[in-house]
Amino acid sequence: MIEVTLMDSAWADVEEGTEALVDEWMVAEGDRVEAGQTLGVVELVKTSHEIAAPSAGIVKTIKVGKQETFGRGQALILLEA
């Protein structure tokens, strides 16, 4: 399983303990995705960030739902390669 997270670079200038919010998922569990495909959009400190698939695979689990918050390093989606 591949854990998909928000890139570390997005968190570079963010205070410890700050959370991001899932704005939208563009995939559902069971969908096949390609490497680089946009999976969803999140907001962190009033900035939108796209979440891209790191590799091709199948979306097994969406771990953080739409309009839910998450912290640095937290897995958002599990992909089966």
N, C-alpha and C. Protein backbone atom coordinates (compact mmCIF):
# COMPACT_ATOMS: atom_id res chain seq x y z
N MET A 1 0.84 -1.19 0.00
CA MET A 1 0.00 0.00 0.00
C MET A 1 0.88 1.25 0.00
N ILE A 2 0.43 2.23 -0.72
CA ILE A 2 1.12 3.52 -0.78
C ILE A 2 0.26 4.54 -0.05
N GLU A 3 0.84 5.22 0.94
CA GLU A 3 0.14 6.27 1.65
C GLU A 3 0.34 7.59 0.92
N VAL A 4 -0.76 8.25 0.57
CA VAL A 4 -0.70 9.54 -0.11
C VAL A 4 -0.89 10.62 0.94
N THR A 5 0.06 11.57 0.99
CA THR A 5 0.02 12.67 1.95
C THR A 5 0.17 14.00 1.22
N LEU A 6 -0.03 15.08 1.93
CA LEU A 6 0.27 16.41 1.40
C LEU A 6 1.78 16.57 1.45
N MET A 7 2.38 17.02 0.34
CA MET A 7 3.83 17.16 0.24
C MET A 7 4.42 17.94 1.43
N ASP A 8 5.58 17.50 1.89
CA ASP A 8 6.24 18.18 3.00
C ASP A 8 6.51 19.65 2.69
N SER A 9 6.78 19.97 1.43
CA SER A 9 7.09 21.36 1.07
C SER A 9 5.91 22.29 1.34
N ALA A 10 4.69 21.78 1.31
CA ALA A 10 3.51 22.61 1.59
C ALA A 10 3.48 23.05 3.05
N TRP A 11 4.11 22.26 3.90
CA TRP A 11 4.09 22.53 5.34
C TRP A 11 5.30 23.35 5.79
N ALA A 12 6.20 23.72 4.87
CA ALA A 12 7.50 24.31 5.21
C ALA A 12 7.41 25.52 6.15
N ASP A 13 6.53 26.46 5.88
CA ASP A 13 6.46 27.69 6.68
C ASP A 13 5.22 27.74 7.56
N VAL A 14 4.71 26.57 7.93
CA VAL A 14 3.46 26.49 8.70
C VAL A 14 3.79 26.14 10.15
N GLU A 15 3.12 26.83 11.07
CA GLU A 15 3.33 26.57 12.50
C GLU A 15 2.99 25.13 12.86
N GLU A 16 3.74 24.57 13.77
CA GLU A 16 3.47 23.23 14.28
C GLU A 16 2.05 23.19 14.86
N GLY A 17 1.32 22.13 14.56
CA GLY A 17 -0.04 21.98 15.08
C GLY A 17 -1.13 22.50 14.16
N THR A 18 -0.73 23.21 13.08
CA THR A 18 -1.71 23.72 12.11
C THR A 18 -2.29 22.54 11.33
N GLU A 19 -3.57 22.61 11.05
CA GLU A 19 -4.22 21.55 10.27
C GLU A 19 -4.67 22.09 8.92
N ALA A 20 -4.78 21.17 7.96
CA ALA A 20 -5.28 21.47 6.62
C ALA A 20 -6.69 20.90 6.51
N LEU A 21 -7.42 21.31 5.48
CA LEU A 21 -8.80 20.90 5.26
C LEU A 21 -8.96 20.31 3.87
N VAL A 22 -9.63 19.16 3.77
CA VAL A 22 -9.91 18.58 2.46
C VAL A 22 -11.07 19.34 1.84
N ASP A 23 -10.83 20.01 0.72
CA ASP A 23 -11.89 20.74 0.01
C ASP A 23 -12.69 19.80 -0.88
N GLU A 24 -11.99 18.91 -1.58
CA GLU A 24 -12.68 18.10 -2.60
C GLU A 24 -11.85 16.87 -2.93
N TRP A 25 -12.52 15.74 -3.09
CA TRP A 25 -11.91 14.54 -3.66
C TRP A 25 -12.45 14.37 -5.07
N MET A 26 -11.58 14.07 -6.00
CA MET A 26 -11.97 13.88 -7.40
C MET A 26 -11.99 12.40 -7.77
N VAL A 27 -11.75 11.55 -6.77
CA VAL A 27 -11.76 10.10 -6.97
C VAL A 27 -12.61 9.47 -5.86
N ALA A 28 -12.95 8.22 -6.06
CA ALA A 28 -13.69 7.45 -5.05
C ALA A 28 -12.95 6.14 -4.82
N GLU A 29 -13.25 5.49 -3.72
CA GLU A 29 -12.66 4.19 -3.45
C GLU A 29 -13.00 3.24 -4.59
N GLY A 30 -11.99 2.49 -5.04
CA GLY A 30 -12.16 1.56 -6.15
C GLY A 30 -11.75 2.12 -7.50
N ASP A 31 -11.55 3.45 -7.59
CA ASP A 31 -11.14 4.06 -8.86
C ASP A 31 -9.69 3.71 -9.18
N ARG A 32 -9.43 3.51 -10.46
CA ARG A 32 -8.06 3.32 -10.95
C ARG A 32 -7.52 4.71 -11.29
N VAL A 33 -6.28 5.00 -10.87
CA VAL A 33 -5.66 6.30 -11.13
C VAL A 33 -4.31 6.11 -11.78
N GLU A 34 -3.85 7.15 -12.45
CA GLU A 34 -2.54 7.17 -13.11
C GLU A 34 -1.58 8.03 -12.29
N ALA A 35 -0.31 7.78 -12.42
CA ALA A 35 0.71 8.59 -11.74
C ALA A 35 0.55 10.05 -12.14
N GLY A 36 0.56 10.94 -11.16
CA GLY A 36 0.44 12.37 -11.41
C GLY A 36 -0.99 12.87 -11.49
N GLN A 37 -1.96 11.97 -11.54
CA GLN A 37 -3.37 12.38 -11.62
C GLN A 37 -3.77 13.11 -10.34
N THR A 38 -4.54 14.19 -10.48
CA THR A 38 -5.02 14.92 -9.32
C THR A 38 -6.11 14.10 -8.63
N LEU A 39 -5.88 13.84 -7.36
CA LEU A 39 -6.83 13.07 -6.56
C LEU A 39 -7.81 13.96 -5.82
N GLY A 40 -7.34 15.15 -5.45
CA GLY A 40 -8.20 16.06 -4.71
C GLY A 40 -7.49 17.38 -4.46
N VAL A 41 -8.18 18.25 -3.73
CA VAL A 41 -7.66 19.58 -3.40
C VAL A 41 -7.84 19.81 -1.91
N VAL A 42 -6.79 20.33 -1.28
CA VAL A 42 -6.85 20.66 0.14
C VAL A 42 -6.48 22.11 0.35
N GLU A 43 -6.87 22.65 1.48
CA GLU A 43 -6.53 24.04 1.81
C GLU A 43 -5.68 24.04 3.07
N LEU A 44 -4.56 24.76 2.99
CA LEU A 44 -3.66 24.91 4.12
C LEU A 44 -3.29 26.38 4.22
N VAL A 45 -3.67 27.02 5.30
CA VAL A 45 -3.40 28.43 5.54
C VAL A 45 -3.82 29.27 4.33
N LYS A 46 -5.07 29.13 3.95
CA LYS A 46 -5.70 29.90 2.86
C LYS A 46 -5.06 29.69 1.49
N THR A 47 -4.33 28.60 1.32
CA THR A 47 -3.72 28.27 0.03
C THR A 47 -4.20 26.89 -0.39
N SER A 48 -4.63 26.76 -1.64
CA SER A 48 -5.09 25.46 -2.15
C SER A 48 -3.90 24.67 -2.69
N HIS A 49 -3.93 23.37 -2.43
CA HIS A 49 -2.89 22.45 -2.90
C HIS A 49 -3.56 21.24 -3.52
N GLU A 50 -3.09 20.84 -4.69
CA GLU A 50 -3.61 19.62 -5.31
C GLU A 50 -2.86 18.43 -4.74
N ILE A 51 -3.58 17.34 -4.53
CA ILE A 51 -2.99 16.08 -4.11
C ILE A 51 -2.89 15.21 -5.35
N ALA A 52 -1.66 14.81 -5.70
CA ALA A 52 -1.44 14.02 -6.91
C ALA A 52 -1.07 12.58 -6.54
N ALA A 53 -1.48 11.66 -7.38
CA ALA A 53 -1.13 10.25 -7.18
C ALA A 53 0.37 10.08 -7.42
N PRO A 54 1.09 9.49 -6.48
CA PRO A 54 2.52 9.29 -6.66
C PRO A 54 2.84 8.18 -7.66
N SER A 55 1.87 7.31 -7.92
CA SER A 55 2.05 6.23 -8.88
C SER A 55 0.67 5.76 -9.34
N ALA A 56 0.66 4.95 -10.36
CA ALA A 56 -0.61 4.37 -10.82
C ALA A 56 -1.08 3.34 -9.81
N GLY A 57 -2.38 3.16 -9.71
CA GLY A 57 -2.91 2.18 -8.78
C GLY A 57 -4.41 2.30 -8.63
N ILE A 58 -4.91 1.65 -7.58
CA ILE A 58 -6.34 1.67 -7.27
C ILE A 58 -6.52 2.31 -5.91
N VAL A 59 -7.48 3.24 -5.82
CA VAL A 59 -7.79 3.89 -4.54
C VAL A 59 -8.46 2.85 -3.65
N LYS A 60 -7.77 2.46 -2.59
CA LYS A 60 -8.32 1.46 -1.67
C LYS A 60 -9.13 2.11 -0.56
N THR A 61 -8.58 3.16 0.04
CA THR A 61 -9.24 3.80 1.17
C THR A 61 -9.02 5.30 1.13
N ILE A 62 -10.09 6.05 1.31
CA ILE A 62 -9.98 7.50 1.54
C ILE A 62 -10.06 7.67 3.05
N LYS A 63 -8.94 8.07 3.65
CA LYS A 63 -8.84 8.10 5.10
C LYS A 63 -9.33 9.40 5.73
N VAL A 64 -9.38 10.48 4.95
CA VAL A 64 -9.84 11.77 5.46
C VAL A 64 -10.93 12.25 4.50
N GLY A 65 -12.12 12.43 5.02
CA GLY A 65 -13.26 12.81 4.19
C GLY A 65 -13.28 14.28 3.83
N LYS A 66 -14.14 14.60 2.89
CA LYS A 66 -14.35 15.99 2.45
C LYS A 66 -14.77 16.83 3.65
N GLN A 67 -14.17 18.02 3.76
CA GLN A 67 -14.41 18.98 4.83
C GLN A 67 -13.89 18.52 6.19
N GLU A 68 -13.05 17.48 6.20
CA GLU A 68 -12.38 17.06 7.43
C GLU A 68 -10.97 17.62 7.43
N THR A 69 -10.43 17.80 8.64
CA THR A 69 -9.08 18.34 8.78
C THR A 69 -8.08 17.21 9.01
N PHE A 70 -6.81 17.54 8.75
CA PHE A 70 -5.73 16.58 8.95
C PHE A 70 -4.44 17.33 9.25
N GLY A 71 -3.49 16.61 9.84
CA GLY A 71 -2.22 17.20 10.22
C GLY A 71 -1.07 16.77 9.33
N ARG A 72 0.06 17.37 9.58
CA ARG A 72 1.30 17.10 8.84
C ARG A 72 1.63 15.61 8.86
N GLY A 73 1.89 15.04 7.68
CA GLY A 73 2.30 13.66 7.57
C GLY A 73 1.18 12.63 7.62
N GLN A 74 -0.04 13.08 7.85
CA GLN A 74 -1.17 12.13 7.94
C GLN A 74 -1.53 11.58 6.57
N ALA A 75 -1.75 10.27 6.48
CA ALA A 75 -2.16 9.63 5.23
C ALA A 75 -3.58 10.06 4.88
N LEU A 76 -3.77 10.51 3.64
CA LEU A 76 -5.08 10.94 3.17
C LEU A 76 -5.78 9.84 2.41
N ILE A 77 -5.03 9.13 1.59
CA ILE A 77 -5.55 8.05 0.73
C ILE A 77 -4.55 6.90 0.76
N LEU A 78 -5.08 5.68 0.69
CA LEU A 78 -4.23 4.51 0.50
C LEU A 78 -4.44 3.99 -0.90
N LEU A 79 -3.33 3.84 -1.64
CA LEU A 79 -3.35 3.32 -3.00
C LEU A 79 -2.75 1.93 -3.03
N GLU A 80 -3.34 1.06 -3.81
CA GLU A 80 -2.74 -0.24 -4.07
C GLU A 80 -2.12 -0.17 -5.45
N ALA A 81 -0.81 -0.35 -5.52
CA ALA A 81 -0.10 -0.24 -6.80
C ALA A 81 -0.32 -1.46 -7.66
